[in-house]
Amino acid sequence: MIRLWEYKLKAETLCLGERNKKGTYRASISSCIPYSQITGALRAQYGGGGHEFDLHAVGRLNDDFGRKVIVQGVRDRVLDRSTLPIEAEILVNVTGRVYIPINAYTEHLPDLVKGLRLGAFRSRGVGECTLTKNRGGAALEFEEDATEQGRLAVRLPDDPAVLRLFGIQEVRMPVYGYLFRPDEQHVSGQYVRALFEGSIVRGPKVLLQ
């Protein structure tokens, strides 16, 4: 049995995605919330005692948001000087869904999560989200043999243990990319191979296009 919490997400502004090396423009992902970003945000909010590593999440966005471009002057904290300004695409009035596998640690997550900080430019007020449990707080449940084949609508690490948590039974045609995984101290990290949206997999319908 695959059991997931489904949360409704709302955010006034959101900037997801990563700037190209030496680039001055940051485009925002507009179809999904990558595993690395939503999982990291939730672990930062509910972490402690090492149990936060039992918390995993991924999300998908609705397509009824607006867009705007802002210009930000980024400061190099090491050299204590400003660098070239960055143009960033911001999503406005964002709604979506977040899915969290249920285990002993996540079983008692609250029905309402306020003040979750997600994505880029958080220090400038971008990315404050509210999550509300959908379906009256009832879990989504899927039998493993009831999964479907389709194109993945989210981004997940290419890690068999993580894929199993989300009910991904089989990867038939992957579309690979990379997600950033911070270290336990959140000082550094590394890029890990991931399955991007469009990969043909067998899994729960809610994670498919």
Protein backbone atom coordinates (compact mmCIF):
# COMPACT_ATOMS: atom_id res chain seq x y z
CA MET A 1 0.00 0.00 0.00
CA ILE A 2 1.26 3.45 -0.99
CA ARG A 3 0.07 6.21 1.36
CA LEU A 4 0.62 9.90 0.68
CA TRP A 5 -0.47 13.13 2.31
CA GLU A 6 -1.76 15.58 -0.25
CA TYR A 7 -1.46 19.27 0.65
CA LYS A 8 -2.80 22.29 -1.22
CA LEU A 9 -0.09 24.90 -1.67
CA LYS A 10 -0.62 28.66 -1.91
CA ALA A 11 2.03 31.35 -2.33
CA GLU A 12 1.79 34.99 -3.32
CA THR A 13 5.20 34.82 -5.02
CA LEU A 14 7.54 31.95 -5.80
CA CYS A 15 10.86 31.55 -7.60
CA LEU A 16 11.93 27.97 -8.34
CA GLY A 17 14.88 26.91 -10.41
CA GLU A 18 18.58 27.59 -10.60
CA ARG A 19 20.68 30.25 -12.25
CA ASN A 20 23.10 29.16 -14.94
CA LYS A 21 26.72 29.49 -13.92
CA LYS A 22 27.83 33.11 -14.44
CA GLY A 23 24.37 33.89 -15.77
CA THR A 24 22.42 37.00 -14.94
CA TYR A 25 18.93 35.59 -15.52
CA ARG A 26 17.11 33.10 -13.34
CA ALA A 27 14.12 31.44 -14.98
CA SER A 28 11.51 29.87 -12.72
CA ILE A 29 10.30 26.29 -13.12
CA SER A 30 6.59 26.53 -13.84
CA SER A 31 5.40 22.94 -13.91
CA CYS A 32 6.59 21.31 -10.70
CA ILE A 33 8.22 21.77 -7.31
CA PRO A 34 11.45 19.75 -7.34
CA TYR A 35 12.00 17.18 -4.59
CA SER A 36 15.16 18.92 -3.40
CA GLN A 37 13.47 22.28 -2.83
CA ILE A 38 10.23 21.23 -1.12
CA THR A 39 11.92 18.48 0.90
CA GLY A 40 14.62 20.88 2.06
CA ALA A 41 12.06 23.52 3.05
CA LEU A 42 9.99 21.06 5.07
CA ARG A 43 13.02 19.54 6.77
CA ALA A 44 14.19 23.01 7.77
CA GLN A 45 10.78 23.67 9.35
CA TYR A 46 10.27 20.30 11.03
CA GLY A 47 13.86 19.08 11.45
CA GLY A 48 15.59 18.04 14.64
CA GLY A 49 17.00 14.91 16.17
CA GLY A 50 17.85 13.37 12.82
CA HIS A 51 14.24 12.35 12.13
CA GLU A 52 13.91 15.02 9.44
CA PHE A 53 15.64 12.64 7.02
CA ASP A 54 12.49 10.48 7.15
CA LEU A 55 10.60 13.38 5.54
CA HIS A 56 10.37 13.44 1.75
CA ALA A 57 8.16 15.57 -0.48
CA VAL A 58 7.51 16.58 -4.06
CA GLY A 59 5.00 18.85 -5.71
CA ARG A 60 3.32 19.99 -8.88
CA LEU A 61 2.00 23.43 -9.80
CA ASN A 62 -1.32 24.48 -11.27
CA ASP A 63 -1.03 26.60 -14.41
CA ASP A 64 -3.16 29.58 -13.30
CA PHE A 65 -0.30 31.73 -11.94
CA GLY A 66 1.00 35.04 -13.25
CA ARG A 67 4.59 36.02 -13.98
CA LYS A 68 6.80 39.03 -13.43
CA VAL A 69 10.51 39.80 -13.69
CA ILE A 70 12.44 41.49 -10.89
CA VAL A 71 16.02 42.75 -10.79
CA GLN A 72 18.10 41.89 -7.74
CA GLY A 73 21.58 43.06 -6.81
CA VAL A 74 23.33 40.05 -5.30
CA ARG A 75 26.07 40.56 -2.71
CA ASP A 76 29.11 38.28 -2.42
CA ARG A 77 29.32 37.68 1.33
CA VAL A 78 32.87 36.38 1.18
CA LEU A 79 34.29 39.35 -0.73
CA ASP A 80 31.77 41.78 0.77
CA ARG A 81 30.94 43.40 -2.52
CA SER A 82 28.05 43.49 -4.97
CA THR A 83 28.09 41.35 -8.08
CA LEU A 84 26.23 41.76 -11.37
CA PRO A 85 22.47 42.19 -10.93
CA ILE A 86 20.26 39.19 -11.66
CA GLU A 87 16.97 39.30 -13.50
CA ALA A 88 14.66 36.72 -11.97
CA GLU A 89 11.33 35.38 -13.13
CA ILE A 90 8.84 35.29 -10.26
CA LEU A 91 5.60 33.30 -10.29
CA VAL A 92 2.66 35.22 -8.79
CA ASN A 93 -0.50 33.89 -7.06
CA VAL A 94 0.72 30.31 -7.16
CA THR A 95 -1.31 27.23 -6.28
CA GLY A 96 -0.35 23.59 -6.44
CA ARG A 97 -0.16 20.24 -4.69
CA VAL A 98 2.51 18.77 -2.41
CA TYR A 99 2.78 15.02 -1.77
CA ILE A 100 4.48 13.50 1.30
CA PRO A 101 4.90 9.73 1.86
CA ILE A 102 3.39 8.71 5.19
CA ASN A 103 5.61 6.96 7.74
CA ALA A 104 5.98 6.94 11.52
CA TYR A 105 7.55 10.43 11.45
CA THR A 106 5.21 12.10 8.95
CA GLU A 107 2.00 10.44 10.23
CA HIS A 108 1.33 13.34 12.59
CA LEU A 109 2.22 16.31 10.39
CA PRO A 110 -0.24 19.18 11.00
CA ASP A 111 -3.23 19.85 8.78
CA LEU A 112 -2.02 23.43 8.25
CA VAL A 113 1.58 24.50 7.61
CA LYS A 114 2.17 28.26 7.70
CA GLY A 115 5.25 30.30 6.94
CA LEU A 116 7.04 27.65 4.88
CA ARG A 117 9.88 29.35 2.99
CA LEU A 118 10.47 27.83 -0.43
CA GLY A 119 12.68 28.59 -3.43
CA ALA A 120 14.98 31.53 -4.15
CA PHE A 121 15.06 35.13 -2.80
CA ARG A 122 13.54 34.10 0.54
CA SER A 123 15.43 36.90 2.30
CA ARG A 124 13.60 39.36 0.03
CA GLY A 125 10.15 38.11 0.92
CA VAL A 126 9.66 35.69 -1.97
CA GLY A 127 8.50 32.12 -1.42
CA GLU A 128 6.39 32.20 1.74
CA CYS A 129 3.89 29.36 1.38
CA THR A 130 0.91 27.88 3.17
CA LEU A 131 0.12 24.17 2.96
CA THR A 132 -3.34 22.80 3.80
CA LYS A 133 -4.15 19.10 3.92
CA ASN A 134 -6.50 18.12 1.13
CA ARG A 135 -9.35 15.61 1.22
CA GLY A 136 -10.39 16.59 4.76
CA GLY A 137 -7.11 15.29 6.12
CA ALA A 138 -7.58 11.79 4.69
CA ALA A 139 -4.57 10.11 3.12
CA LEU A 140 -4.29 9.15 -0.54
CA GLU A 141 -3.95 5.38 -0.75
CA PHE A 142 -2.90 3.28 -3.74
CA GLU A 143 -2.43 -0.44 -4.12
CA GLU A 144 0.92 -1.14 -5.76
CA ASP A 145 -0.75 -3.10 -8.55
CA ALA A 146 -3.10 -0.15 -9.25
CA THR A 147 -0.37 2.20 -10.48
CA GLU A 148 -0.44 3.50 -14.06
CA GLN A 149 2.05 4.16 -16.82
CA GLY A 150 2.52 7.75 -17.88
CA ARG A 151 4.84 10.74 -18.03
CA LEU A 152 6.22 11.92 -14.73
CA ALA A 153 4.97 15.37 -13.67
CA VAL A 154 7.54 15.94 -10.89
CA ARG A 155 11.30 15.77 -10.29
CA LEU A 156 12.65 12.98 -8.08
CA PRO A 157 16.17 11.74 -7.30
CA ASP A 158 17.16 8.68 -9.31
CA ASP A 159 17.39 6.74 -6.05
CA PRO A 160 15.48 3.43 -5.83
CA ALA A 161 14.70 3.95 -2.14
CA VAL A 162 13.17 7.40 -2.74
CA LEU A 163 11.28 6.25 -5.84
CA ARG A 164 9.74 3.40 -3.85
CA LEU A 165 8.51 5.84 -1.20
CA PHE A 166 6.49 7.66 -3.87
CA GLY A 167 5.21 4.45 -5.44
CA ILE A 168 7.27 4.61 -8.63
CA GLN A 169 7.27 0.95 -9.62
CA GLU A 170 9.25 1.10 -12.85
CA VAL A 171 11.20 3.59 -14.94
CA ARG A 172 10.71 2.77 -18.61
CA MET A 173 12.12 5.82 -20.40
CA PRO A 174 14.01 8.28 -18.16
CA VAL A 175 14.62 11.96 -18.76
CA TYR A 176 17.66 12.70 -16.62
CA GLY A 177 18.72 15.94 -15.00
CA TYR A 178 20.34 16.93 -11.72
CA LEU A 179 19.05 18.12 -8.35
CA PHE A 180 21.16 19.73 -5.63
CA ARG A 181 21.43 17.75 -2.38
CA PRO A 182 22.86 19.72 0.57
CA ASP A 183 25.00 18.04 3.19
CA GLU A 184 23.71 17.49 6.72
CA GLN A 185 25.25 20.77 7.93
CA HIS A 186 23.72 22.71 4.99
CA VAL A 187 27.15 24.17 4.30
CA SER A 188 27.80 22.51 0.96
CA GLY A 189 26.38 19.64 -1.05
CA GLN A 190 26.45 17.89 -4.38
CA TYR A 191 24.36 17.42 -7.50
CA VAL A 192 22.69 14.03 -7.85
CA ARG A 193 21.11 12.49 -10.92
CA ALA A 194 17.34 12.83 -11.00
CA LEU A 195 14.31 11.85 -13.04
CA PHE A 196 12.75 14.96 -14.56
CA GLU A 197 9.23 15.57 -15.74
CA GLY A 198 8.47 13.73 -18.97
CA SER A 199 10.12 10.48 -17.87
CA ILE A 200 7.91 7.50 -18.67
CA VAL A 201 7.31 5.59 -15.45
CA ARG A 202 4.78 3.40 -13.70
CA GLY A 203 3.46 5.06 -10.56
CA PRO A 204 0.52 6.79 -8.81
CA LYS A 205 -1.71 8.82 -11.12
CA VAL A 206 -1.31 11.99 -9.02
CA LEU A 207 2.40 12.13 -9.94
CA LEU A 208 1.81 11.71 -13.67
CA GLN A 209 1.01 14.29 -16.35
